[in-house]
Amino acid sequence: MMVFPYLILASRVVVVVALVYTTIVALTHWAVRSRRISPFGRWPRLVRQASDPVLRPLERRILRSGGNPQDAPLWLVGIAIVGGLLLVSLVQWLAGFAITVGIMARSGPRAWAYSLVNGLFTLLIIALFVRVISSWFGISPYRPWMRPVMILTDWIIDPIRRILPPLGMIDFSPLVAWLLLSVVRGFVLSHI
């Protein structure tokens, strides 16, 4: 169990190194584009040589999407930030999950029931958030990866929508569903 702090530290170090690398690449590209430094100098050539394996595919993808390939270094910084947050969060979650499984292995059936019910409510709440956020971005509920989310949330959203119709462009049914799930979760978990 003592390996988890080192894994979390290692993931944070990887993220910091990636952020420093992408920031150096982005700042160097900005300095070359704004003519603050010569593109033929030693530093810009070194940075371009070190970043070409990463930037070339990203530039091609941006160009195919109709964007400006000169924005690739900024996209690289954004990818490093989002990817770093996801990596650190995933490592922390896996460490917490492993510790929880270790504790649960020594626990009785009551702790198992509590953990399973809590996990079920957490899954339903996450599905509600995914449903709401996907509706903001116009993602179709009929996409194959959205079907499980819709199946997990339709049973609570549809009855609430019949009672509480949308008010203009605002649909309060997911918020009411979240409140109901939170209240029921607290009630059920207090009685296990």
N, C-alpha and C. Protein backbone atom coordinates (compact mmCIF):
# COMPACT_ATOMS: atom_id res chain seq x y z
N MET A 1 0.81 -1.21 0.00
CA MET A 1 0.00 0.00 0.00
C MET A 1 0.85 1.27 0.00
N MET A 2 2.11 1.13 0.35
CA MET A 2 2.96 2.31 0.41
C MET A 2 3.43 2.75 -0.98
N VAL A 3 3.09 2.00 -2.02
CA VAL A 3 3.52 2.34 -3.36
C VAL A 3 2.64 3.45 -3.96
N PHE A 4 1.43 3.62 -3.45
CA PHE A 4 0.49 4.59 -4.04
C PHE A 4 0.96 6.04 -3.95
N PRO A 5 1.53 6.48 -2.83
CA PRO A 5 2.02 7.86 -2.83
C PRO A 5 3.10 8.10 -3.89
N TYR A 6 3.92 7.07 -4.15
CA TYR A 6 4.96 7.22 -5.17
C TYR A 6 4.36 7.26 -6.57
N LEU A 7 3.30 6.48 -6.80
CA LEU A 7 2.63 6.52 -8.11
C LEU A 7 1.98 7.88 -8.34
N ILE A 8 1.35 8.40 -7.32
CA ILE A 8 0.71 9.71 -7.44
C ILE A 8 1.78 10.79 -7.69
N LEU A 9 2.89 10.71 -6.95
CA LEU A 9 3.98 11.66 -7.15
C LEU A 9 4.56 11.53 -8.56
N ALA A 10 4.74 10.30 -9.03
CA ALA A 10 5.29 10.08 -10.37
C ALA A 10 4.35 10.64 -11.43
N SER A 11 3.05 10.46 -11.26
CA SER A 11 2.11 11.01 -12.25
C SER A 11 2.16 12.54 -12.24
N ARG A 12 2.30 13.13 -11.08
CA ARG A 12 2.40 14.60 -11.02
C ARG A 12 3.68 15.10 -11.66
N VAL A 13 4.78 14.38 -11.46
CA VAL A 13 6.05 14.76 -12.08
C VAL A 13 5.93 14.68 -13.60
N VAL A 14 5.30 13.61 -14.10
CA VAL A 14 5.10 13.46 -15.54
C VAL A 14 4.28 14.62 -16.08
N VAL A 15 3.24 15.01 -15.37
CA VAL A 15 2.39 16.12 -15.81
C VAL A 15 3.17 17.43 -15.81
N VAL A 16 3.97 17.69 -14.78
CA VAL A 16 4.75 18.93 -14.72
C VAL A 16 5.77 18.96 -15.85
N VAL A 17 6.43 17.84 -16.11
CA VAL A 17 7.41 17.79 -17.21
C VAL A 17 6.71 18.05 -18.54
N ALA A 18 5.54 17.44 -18.75
CA ALA A 18 4.80 17.66 -19.99
C ALA A 18 4.37 19.12 -20.12
N LEU A 19 3.95 19.73 -19.03
CA LEU A 19 3.55 21.15 -19.09
C LEU A 19 4.75 22.06 -19.38
N VAL A 20 5.89 21.77 -18.77
CA VAL A 20 7.08 22.57 -19.04
C VAL A 20 7.49 22.42 -20.50
N TYR A 21 7.49 21.18 -21.00
CA TYR A 21 7.85 20.92 -22.40
C TYR A 21 6.90 21.66 -23.36
N THR A 22 5.60 21.52 -23.15
CA THR A 22 4.65 22.16 -24.07
C THR A 22 4.69 23.68 -23.95
N THR A 23 4.95 24.19 -22.76
CA THR A 23 5.07 25.64 -22.60
C THR A 23 6.29 26.18 -23.31
N ILE A 24 7.41 25.47 -23.22
CA ILE A 24 8.62 25.89 -23.93
C ILE A 24 8.38 25.87 -25.44
N VAL A 25 7.73 24.82 -25.92
CA VAL A 25 7.43 24.73 -27.35
C VAL A 25 6.52 25.88 -27.77
N ALA A 26 5.46 26.13 -27.02
CA ALA A 26 4.51 27.18 -27.38
C ALA A 26 5.16 28.56 -27.33
N LEU A 27 5.94 28.84 -26.29
CA LEU A 27 6.59 30.15 -26.19
C LEU A 27 7.62 30.35 -27.29
N THR A 28 8.36 29.30 -27.63
CA THR A 28 9.34 29.43 -28.71
C THR A 28 8.65 29.67 -30.05
N HIS A 29 7.58 28.95 -30.31
CA HIS A 29 6.84 29.16 -31.56
C HIS A 29 6.23 30.57 -31.60
N TRP A 30 5.74 31.03 -30.48
CA TRP A 30 5.20 32.39 -30.43
C TRP A 30 6.31 33.41 -30.71
N ALA A 31 7.48 33.22 -30.11
CA ALA A 31 8.59 34.15 -30.30
C ALA A 31 9.06 34.16 -31.75
N VAL A 32 9.05 33.02 -32.41
CA VAL A 32 9.44 32.97 -33.82
C VAL A 32 8.38 33.64 -34.68
N ARG A 33 7.10 33.37 -34.42
CA ARG A 33 6.02 33.96 -35.22
C ARG A 33 5.96 35.47 -35.06
N SER A 34 6.25 35.95 -33.86
CA SER A 34 6.20 37.40 -33.63
C SER A 34 7.53 38.08 -33.93
N ARG A 35 8.46 37.32 -34.50
CA ARG A 35 9.77 37.82 -34.93
C ARG A 35 10.61 38.38 -33.78
N ARG A 36 10.43 37.83 -32.60
CA ARG A 36 11.26 38.23 -31.47
C ARG A 36 12.61 37.50 -31.51
N ILE A 37 12.59 36.28 -32.08
CA ILE A 37 13.83 35.55 -32.28
C ILE A 37 13.84 35.02 -33.71
N SER A 38 15.00 34.76 -34.22
CA SER A 38 15.15 34.27 -35.59
C SER A 38 14.78 32.78 -35.65
N PRO A 39 14.06 32.38 -36.68
CA PRO A 39 13.73 30.96 -36.78
C PRO A 39 14.94 30.10 -37.11
N PHE A 40 16.06 30.72 -37.51
CA PHE A 40 17.25 29.97 -37.90
C PHE A 40 18.28 29.88 -36.78
N GLY A 41 17.93 30.38 -35.61
CA GLY A 41 18.84 30.31 -34.47
C GLY A 41 18.92 28.89 -33.93
N ARG A 42 19.88 28.69 -33.04
CA ARG A 42 20.11 27.36 -32.47
C ARG A 42 18.92 26.91 -31.62
N TRP A 43 18.41 27.79 -30.76
CA TRP A 43 17.30 27.41 -29.87
C TRP A 43 16.02 27.07 -30.63
N PRO A 44 15.54 27.90 -31.57
CA PRO A 44 14.31 27.53 -32.28
C PRO A 44 14.45 26.23 -33.08
N ARG A 45 15.62 26.01 -33.67
CA ARG A 45 15.81 24.76 -34.42
C ARG A 45 15.81 23.56 -33.48
N LEU A 46 16.43 23.71 -32.31
CA LEU A 46 16.45 22.62 -31.33
C LEU A 46 15.03 22.31 -30.85
N VAL A 47 14.27 23.36 -30.54
CA VAL A 47 12.90 23.16 -30.06
C VAL A 47 12.04 22.53 -31.16
N ARG A 48 12.18 23.02 -32.38
CA ARG A 48 11.38 22.46 -33.48
C ARG A 48 11.76 21.01 -33.72
N GLN A 49 13.03 20.68 -33.64
CA GLN A 49 13.47 19.29 -33.82
C GLN A 49 12.92 18.40 -32.72
N ALA A 50 12.89 18.91 -31.49
CA ALA A 50 12.38 18.11 -30.37
C ALA A 50 10.86 18.01 -30.38
N SER A 51 10.18 18.98 -30.99
CA SER A 51 8.72 18.97 -30.96
C SER A 51 8.08 18.45 -32.25
N ASP A 52 8.86 18.28 -33.31
CA ASP A 52 8.29 17.82 -34.58
C ASP A 52 7.55 16.49 -34.49
N PRO A 53 8.07 15.48 -33.79
CA PRO A 53 7.31 14.22 -33.73
C PRO A 53 5.92 14.36 -33.11
N VAL A 54 5.74 15.35 -32.26
CA VAL A 54 4.45 15.56 -31.62
C VAL A 54 3.61 16.57 -32.40
N LEU A 55 4.24 17.62 -32.89
CA LEU A 55 3.49 18.70 -33.54
C LEU A 55 3.03 18.36 -34.96
N ARG A 56 3.82 17.61 -35.74
CA ARG A 56 3.45 17.33 -37.13
C ARG A 56 2.09 16.64 -37.23
N PRO A 57 1.83 15.55 -36.50
CA PRO A 57 0.50 14.93 -36.61
C PRO A 57 -0.61 15.86 -36.12
N LEU A 58 -0.32 16.64 -35.09
CA LEU A 58 -1.31 17.58 -34.58
C LEU A 58 -1.59 18.69 -35.60
N GLU A 59 -0.55 19.18 -36.26
CA GLU A 59 -0.75 20.19 -37.30
C GLU A 59 -1.58 19.65 -38.45
N ARG A 60 -1.32 18.40 -38.87
CA ARG A 60 -2.11 17.79 -39.96
C ARG A 60 -3.57 17.66 -39.56
N ARG A 61 -3.81 17.24 -38.33
CA ARG A 61 -5.19 17.07 -37.87
C ARG A 61 -5.91 18.42 -37.81
N ILE A 62 -5.22 19.44 -37.34
CA ILE A 62 -5.82 20.78 -37.27
C ILE A 62 -6.10 21.30 -38.68
N LEU A 63 -5.18 21.07 -39.60
CA LEU A 63 -5.37 21.51 -40.98
C LEU A 63 -6.55 20.80 -41.63
N ARG A 64 -6.69 19.49 -41.40
CA ARG A 64 -7.84 18.75 -41.93
C ARG A 64 -9.16 19.23 -41.35
N SER A 65 -9.11 19.73 -40.13
CA SER A 65 -10.33 20.23 -39.49
C SER A 65 -10.65 21.65 -39.91
N GLY A 66 -9.80 22.26 -40.72
CA GLY A 66 -10.05 23.61 -41.19
C GLY A 66 -9.45 24.69 -40.31
N GLY A 67 -8.59 24.32 -39.38
CA GLY A 67 -7.98 25.29 -38.49
C GLY A 67 -6.62 25.74 -39.00
N ASN A 68 -5.98 26.57 -38.23
CA ASN A 68 -4.66 27.10 -38.57
C ASN A 68 -3.61 26.21 -37.91
N PRO A 69 -2.72 25.58 -38.69
CA PRO A 69 -1.71 24.69 -38.08
C PRO A 69 -0.73 25.42 -37.18
N GLN A 70 -0.67 26.76 -37.28
CA GLN A 70 0.21 27.50 -36.38
C GLN A 70 -0.31 27.49 -34.94
N ASP A 71 -1.57 27.10 -34.75
CA ASP A 71 -2.13 27.01 -33.41
C ASP A 71 -1.81 25.69 -32.72
N ALA A 72 -1.07 24.81 -33.40
CA ALA A 72 -0.76 23.50 -32.84
C ALA A 72 -0.05 23.57 -31.49
N PRO A 73 0.91 24.49 -31.27
CA PRO A 73 1.54 24.54 -29.94
C PRO A 73 0.55 24.89 -28.82
N LEU A 74 -0.42 25.76 -29.12
CA LEU A 74 -1.42 26.08 -28.10
C LEU A 74 -2.32 24.88 -27.82
N TRP A 75 -2.68 24.17 -28.89
CA TRP A 75 -3.46 22.94 -28.69
C TRP A 75 -2.66 21.93 -27.89
N LEU A 76 -1.36 21.88 -28.12
CA LEU A 76 -0.50 20.96 -27.38
C LEU A 76 -0.50 21.29 -25.89
N VAL A 77 -0.45 22.57 -25.56
CA VAL A 77 -0.51 22.98 -24.15
C VAL A 77 -1.86 22.58 -23.56
N GLY A 78 -2.95 22.82 -24.29
CA GLY A 78 -4.28 22.44 -23.81
C GLY A 78 -4.40 20.94 -23.60
N ILE A 79 -3.87 20.17 -24.54
CA ILE A 79 -3.91 18.71 -24.41
C ILE A 79 -3.10 18.27 -23.20
N ALA A 80 -1.96 18.92 -22.97
CA ALA A 80 -1.13 18.56 -21.81
C ALA A 80 -1.86 18.88 -20.51
N ILE A 81 -2.58 20.00 -20.47
CA ILE A 81 -3.30 20.37 -19.24
C ILE A 81 -4.44 19.39 -18.99
N VAL A 82 -5.27 19.18 -20.00
CA VAL A 82 -6.43 18.28 -19.83
C VAL A 82 -5.95 16.85 -19.58
N GLY A 83 -4.98 16.40 -20.38
CA GLY A 83 -4.45 15.05 -20.19
C GLY A 83 -3.80 14.87 -18.83
N GLY A 84 -3.10 15.91 -18.37
CA GLY A 84 -2.47 15.84 -17.04
C GLY A 84 -3.50 15.75 -15.93
N LEU A 85 -4.54 16.56 -16.04
CA LEU A 85 -5.60 16.49 -15.02
C LEU A 85 -6.26 15.11 -15.02
N LEU A 86 -6.50 14.57 -16.21
CA LEU A 86 -7.10 13.24 -16.29
C LEU A 86 -6.17 12.16 -15.73
N LEU A 87 -4.88 12.27 -16.05
CA LEU A 87 -3.92 11.28 -15.57
C LEU A 87 -3.82 11.29 -14.05
N VAL A 88 -3.65 12.48 -13.47
CA VAL A 88 -3.53 12.57 -12.01
C VAL A 88 -4.82 12.10 -11.34
N SER A 89 -5.96 12.49 -11.90
CA SER A 89 -7.24 12.06 -11.32
C SER A 89 -7.40 10.54 -11.41
N LEU A 90 -7.01 9.97 -12.55
CA LEU A 90 -7.13 8.52 -12.72
C LEU A 90 -6.22 7.77 -11.76
N VAL A 91 -4.98 8.24 -11.60
CA VAL A 91 -4.05 7.57 -10.68
C VAL A 91 -4.56 7.69 -9.24
N GLN A 92 -5.05 8.86 -8.86
CA GLN A 92 -5.58 9.01 -7.51
C GLN A 92 -6.82 8.13 -7.30
N TRP A 93 -7.67 8.05 -8.31
CA TRP A 93 -8.87 7.22 -8.18
C TRP A 93 -8.48 5.75 -8.07
N LEU A 94 -7.52 5.30 -8.91
CA LEU A 94 -7.09 3.90 -8.84
C LEU A 94 -6.45 3.58 -7.50
N ALA A 95 -5.66 4.50 -6.96
CA ALA A 95 -5.06 4.28 -5.65
C ALA A 95 -6.13 4.19 -4.58
N GLY A 96 -7.08 5.11 -4.61
CA GLY A 96 -8.18 5.05 -3.65
C GLY A 96 -9.01 3.79 -3.79
N PHE A 97 -9.24 3.38 -5.03
CA PHE A 97 -10.01 2.15 -5.27
C PHE A 97 -9.27 0.93 -4.73
N ALA A 98 -7.95 0.88 -4.97
CA ALA A 98 -7.18 -0.26 -4.46
C ALA A 98 -7.17 -0.28 -2.93
N ILE A 99 -7.05 0.87 -2.32
CA ILE A 99 -7.08 0.93 -0.85
C ILE A 99 -8.45 0.51 -0.34
N THR A 100 -9.51 0.97 -1.01
CA THR A 100 -10.87 0.59 -0.61
C THR A 100 -11.08 -0.91 -0.75
N VAL A 101 -10.60 -1.50 -1.84
CA VAL A 101 -10.75 -2.95 -2.02
C VAL A 101 -9.98 -3.69 -0.94
N GLY A 102 -8.79 -3.19 -0.59
CA GLY A 102 -8.03 -3.81 0.49
C GLY A 102 -8.76 -3.76 1.82
N ILE A 103 -9.38 -2.64 2.10
CA ILE A 103 -10.14 -2.51 3.34
C ILE A 103 -11.39 -3.37 3.28
N MET A 104 -12.05 -3.38 2.12
CA MET A 104 -13.28 -4.17 1.97
C MET A 104 -13.01 -5.67 2.10
N ALA A 105 -11.82 -6.11 1.73
CA ALA A 105 -11.48 -7.53 1.83
C ALA A 105 -11.50 -8.00 3.27
N ARG A 106 -11.27 -7.08 4.20
CA ARG A 106 -11.27 -7.43 5.62
C ARG A 106 -12.58 -7.05 6.31
N SER A 107 -13.56 -6.60 5.55
CA SER A 107 -14.82 -6.13 6.14
C SER A 107 -15.91 -7.17 6.02
N GLY A 108 -16.99 -6.90 6.70
CA GLY A 108 -18.13 -7.80 6.69
C GLY A 108 -19.13 -7.45 5.60
N PRO A 109 -20.25 -8.19 5.57
CA PRO A 109 -21.25 -7.98 4.52
C PRO A 109 -21.94 -6.62 4.60
N ARG A 110 -22.02 -6.06 5.78
CA ARG A 110 -22.66 -4.75 5.91
C ARG A 110 -21.86 -3.67 5.18
N ALA A 111 -20.55 -3.72 5.32
CA ALA A 111 -19.69 -2.76 4.63
C ALA A 111 -19.76 -2.96 3.12
N TRP A 112 -19.88 -4.22 2.68
CA TRP A 112 -20.02 -4.50 1.25
C TRP A 112 -21.33 -3.91 0.72
N ALA A 113 -22.41 -4.11 1.46
CA ALA A 113 -23.71 -3.58 1.03
C ALA A 113 -23.66 -2.05 0.98
N TYR A 114 -23.08 -1.43 1.99
CA TYR A 114 -22.95 0.02 2.02
C TYR A 114 -22.17 0.51 0.80
N SER A 115 -21.04 -0.15 0.51
CA SER A 115 -20.20 0.26 -0.60
C SER A 115 -20.91 0.07 -1.94
N LEU A 116 -21.61 -1.03 -2.11
CA LEU A 116 -22.32 -1.28 -3.37
C LEU A 116 -23.45 -0.29 -3.59
N VAL A 117 -24.22 0.00 -2.56
CA VAL A 117 -25.32 0.97 -2.69
C VAL A 117 -24.76 2.36 -2.97
N ASN A 118 -23.70 2.73 -2.27
CA ASN A 118 -23.07 4.02 -2.50
C ASN A 118 -22.53 4.10 -3.93
N GLY A 119 -21.92 3.03 -4.41
CA GLY A 119 -21.41 3.00 -5.78
C GLY A 119 -22.52 3.11 -6.81
N LEU A 120 -23.66 2.48 -6.54
CA LEU A 120 -24.80 2.56 -7.46
C LEU A 120 -25.33 3.99 -7.55
N PHE A 121 -25.49 4.64 -6.42
CA PHE A 121 -25.96 6.03 -6.43
C PHE A 121 -24.94 6.96 -7.11
N THR A 122 -23.66 6.71 -6.88
CA THR A 122 -22.62 7.50 -7.54
C THR A 122 -22.69 7.32 -9.05
N LEU A 123 -22.89 6.10 -9.51
CA LEU A 123 -23.01 5.84 -10.94
C LEU A 123 -24.22 6.57 -11.54
N LEU A 124 -25.34 6.57 -10.85
CA LEU A 124 -26.53 7.26 -11.34
C LEU A 124 -26.31 8.78 -11.41
N ILE A 125 -25.64 9.33 -10.41
CA ILE A 125 -25.38 10.78 -10.41
C ILE A 125 -24.40 11.15 -11.52
N ILE A 126 -23.39 10.33 -11.74
CA ILE A 126 -22.45 10.59 -12.83
C ILE A 126 -23.18 10.52 -14.18
N ALA A 127 -24.06 9.54 -14.33
CA ALA A 127 -24.84 9.42 -15.57
C ALA A 127 -25.71 10.66 -15.79
N LEU A 128 -26.28 11.19 -14.70
CA LEU A 128 -27.07 12.43 -14.82
C LEU A 128 -26.20 13.59 -15.32
N PHE A 129 -25.01 13.74 -14.75
CA PHE A 129 -24.11 14.81 -15.18
C PHE A 129 -23.69 14.64 -16.63
N VAL A 130 -23.40 13.41 -17.04
CA VAL A 130 -23.02 13.16 -18.44
C VAL A 130 -24.19 13.51 -19.36
N ARG A 131 -25.40 13.17 -18.95
CA ARG A 131 -26.57 13.49 -19.76
C ARG A 131 -26.75 14.99 -19.92
N VAL A 132 -26.60 15.73 -18.83
CA VAL A 132 -26.77 17.19 -18.88
C VAL A 132 -25.69 17.83 -19.74
N ILE A 133 -24.44 17.45 -19.51
CA ILE A 133 -23.34 18.06 -20.25
C ILE A 133 -23.42 17.70 -21.73
N SER A 134 -23.80 16.47 -22.04
CA SER A 134 -23.93 16.10 -23.46
C SER A 134 -25.05 16.87 -24.13
N SER A 135 -26.11 17.22 -23.39
CA SER A 135 -27.18 18.01 -24.00
C SER A 135 -26.71 19.45 -24.26
N TRP A 136 -25.80 19.95 -23.46
CA TRP A 136 -25.26 21.29 -23.69
C TRP A 136 -24.47 21.34 -25.00
N PHE A 137 -23.78 20.25 -25.32
CA PHE A 137 -22.96 20.21 -26.52
C PHE A 137 -23.71 19.64 -27.72
N GLY A 138 -24.99 19.36 -27.56
CA GLY A 138 -25.79 18.88 -28.68
C GLY A 138 -25.48 17.46 -29.09
N ILE A 139 -24.99 16.65 -28.18
CA ILE A 139 -24.69 15.25 -28.49
C ILE A 139 -25.99 14.46 -28.49
N SER A 140 -26.20 13.71 -29.53
CA SER A 140 -27.45 12.97 -29.68
C SER A 140 -27.57 11.88 -28.63
N PRO A 141 -28.74 11.75 -28.02
CA PRO A 141 -28.93 10.67 -27.05
C PRO A 141 -29.00 9.30 -27.71
N TYR A 142 -29.04 9.26 -29.04
CA TYR A 142 -29.14 8.00 -29.76
C TYR A 142 -27.78 7.46 -30.19
N ARG A 143 -26.72 8.15 -29.83
CA ARG A 143 -25.39 7.63 -30.13
C ARG A 143 -25.18 6.36 -29.31
N PRO A 144 -24.41 5.41 -29.82
CA PRO A 144 -24.23 4.14 -29.10
C PRO A 144 -23.64 4.31 -27.70
N TRP A 145 -22.71 5.23 -27.53
CA TRP A 145 -22.09 5.38 -26.20
C TRP A 145 -22.98 6.15 -25.24
N MET A 146 -24.01 6.82 -25.75
CA MET A 146 -24.95 7.53 -24.88
C MET A 146 -26.11 6.65 -24.42
N ARG A 147 -26.33 5.54 -25.07
CA ARG A 147 -27.46 4.68 -24.71
C ARG A 147 -27.41 4.22 -23.24
N PRO A 148 -26.25 3.75 -22.73
CA PRO A 148 -26.24 3.36 -21.31
C PRO A 148 -26.58 4.52 -20.37
N VAL A 149 -26.13 5.71 -20.73
CA VAL A 149 -26.43 6.89 -19.90
C VAL A 149 -27.93 7.15 -19.91
N MET A 150 -28.54 7.04 -21.07
CA MET A 150 -29.98 7.28 -21.17
C MET A 150 -30.76 6.20 -20.42
N ILE A 151 -30.33 4.95 -20.52
CA ILE A 151 -31.01 3.86 -19.81
C ILE A 151 -30.91 4.07 -18.30
N LEU A 152 -29.74 4.53 -17.82
CA LEU A 152 -29.55 4.75 -16.39
C LEU A 152 -30.36 5.93 -15.85
N THR A 153 -30.70 6.90 -16.70
CA THR A 153 -31.34 8.11 -16.20
C THR A 153 -32.79 8.29 -16.63
N ASP A 154 -33.23 7.60 -17.66
CA ASP A 154 -34.61 7.80 -18.15
C ASP A 154 -35.65 7.48 -17.08
N TRP A 155 -35.41 6.47 -16.29
CA TRP A 155 -36.41 6.03 -15.30
C TRP A 155 -36.71 7.11 -14.26
N ILE A 156 -35.77 8.02 -14.02
CA ILE A 156 -36.02 9.07 -13.04
C ILE A 156 -36.34 10.41 -13.70
N ILE A 157 -35.78 10.67 -14.88
CA ILE A 157 -36.01 11.95 -15.57
C ILE A 157 -37.42 12.02 -16.16
N ASP A 158 -37.87 10.94 -16.81
CA ASP A 158 -39.17 10.99 -17.50
C ASP A 158 -40.35 11.28 -16.57
N PRO A 159 -40.47 10.63 -15.41
CA PRO A 159 -41.59 10.99 -14.52
C PRO A 159 -41.50 12.43 -14.00
N ILE A 160 -40.30 12.91 -13.75
CA ILE A 160 -40.14 14.29 -13.28
C ILE A 160 -40.54 15.27 -14.38
N ARG A 161 -40.21 14.95 -15.63
CA ARG A 161 -40.59 15.82 -16.75
C ARG A 161 -42.09 15.89 -16.93
N ARG A 162 -42.79 14.80 -16.63
CA ARG A 162 -44.26 14.83 -16.74
C ARG A 162 -44.87 15.77 -15.70
N ILE A 163 -44.24 15.83 -14.53
CA ILE A 163 -44.75 16.70 -13.46
C ILE A 163 -44.23 18.12 -13.63
N LEU A 164 -42.96 18.27 -13.99
CA LEU A 164 -42.30 19.57 -14.09
C LEU A 164 -41.81 19.77 -15.53
N PRO A 165 -42.63 20.36 -16.39
CA PRO A 165 -42.20 20.55 -17.78
C PRO A 165 -41.09 21.59 -17.86
N PRO A 166 -40.33 21.58 -18.96
CA PRO A 166 -39.27 22.58 -19.12
C PRO A 166 -39.82 24.00 -19.12
N LEU A 167 -39.08 24.90 -18.52
CA LEU A 167 -39.46 26.30 -18.47
C LEU A 167 -38.65 27.05 -19.53
N GLY A 168 -39.23 27.18 -20.72
CA GLY A 168 -38.50 27.80 -21.83
C GLY A 168 -37.39 26.88 -22.27
N MET A 169 -36.18 27.40 -22.27
CA MET A 169 -35.02 26.60 -22.67
C MET A 169 -34.39 25.85 -21.49
N ILE A 170 -34.87 26.08 -20.30
CA ILE A 170 -34.27 25.49 -19.11
C ILE A 170 -35.09 24.29 -18.66
N ASP A 171 -34.39 23.16 -18.50
CA ASP A 171 -35.03 21.94 -18.03
C ASP A 171 -34.50 21.64 -16.63
N PHE A 172 -35.39 21.76 -15.64
CA PHE A 172 -34.97 21.56 -14.25
C PHE A 172 -35.07 20.10 -13.81
N SER A 173 -35.54 19.21 -14.68
CA SER A 173 -35.74 17.82 -14.27
C SER A 173 -34.43 17.13 -13.86
N PRO A 174 -33.27 17.34 -14.52
CA PRO A 174 -32.05 16.71 -14.02
C PRO A 174 -31.65 17.22 -12.64
N LEU A 175 -31.87 18.49 -12.36
CA LEU A 175 -31.55 19.04 -11.04
C LEU A 175 -32.44 18.41 -9.97
N VAL A 176 -33.73 18.30 -10.26
CA VAL A 176 -34.66 17.67 -9.32
C VAL A 176 -34.29 16.20 -9.13
N ALA A 177 -33.90 15.53 -10.23
CA ALA A 177 -33.50 14.12 -10.13
C ALA A 177 -32.26 13.99 -9.26
N TRP A 178 -31.32 14.89 -9.42
CA TRP A 178 -30.11 14.85 -8.60
C TRP A 178 -30.45 15.06 -7.13
N LEU A 179 -31.33 16.02 -6.85
CA LEU A 179 -31.74 16.26 -5.46
C LEU A 179 -32.43 15.03 -4.88
N LEU A 180 -33.34 14.43 -5.65
CA LEU A 180 -34.02 13.22 -5.18
C LEU A 180 -33.03 12.08 -4.92
N LEU A 181 -32.10 11.89 -5.85
CA LEU A 181 -31.11 10.83 -5.66
C LEU A 181 -30.25 11.09 -4.43
N SER A 182 -29.91 12.34 -4.18
CA SER A 182 -29.10 12.68 -3.01
C SER A 182 -29.85 12.40 -1.71
N VAL A 183 -31.14 12.76 -1.68
CA VAL A 183 -31.95 12.52 -0.48
C VAL A 183 -32.13 11.02 -0.25
N VAL A 184 -32.48 10.29 -1.31
CA VAL A 184 -32.68 8.85 -1.18
C VAL A 184 -31.37 8.16 -0.80
N ARG A 185 -30.27 8.61 -1.37
CA ARG A 185 -28.96 8.05 -1.04
C ARG A 185 -28.67 8.21 0.45
N GLY A 186 -28.87 9.42 0.96
CA GLY A 186 -28.63 9.65 2.38
C GLY A 186 -29.53 8.80 3.26
N PHE A 187 -30.80 8.67 2.87
CA PHE A 187 -31.74 7.86 3.66
C PHE A 187 -31.34 6.38 3.65
N VAL A 188 -31.05 5.85 2.47
CA VAL A 188 -30.73 4.43 2.35
C VAL A 188 -29.42 4.12 3.06
N LEU A 189 -28.40 4.97 2.86
CA LEU A 189 -27.11 4.69 3.48
C LEU A 189 -27.15 4.84 5.00
N SER A 190 -28.05 5.67 5.51
CA SER A 190 -28.15 5.78 6.96
C SER A 190 -28.83 4.57 7.60
N HIS A 191 -29.53 3.79 6.78
CA HIS A 191 -30.23 2.62 7.31
C HIS A 191 -29.53 1.31 6.99
N ILE A 192 -28.33 1.38 6.43
CA ILE A 192 -27.59 0.12 6.17
C ILE A 192 -26.70 -0.17 7.36
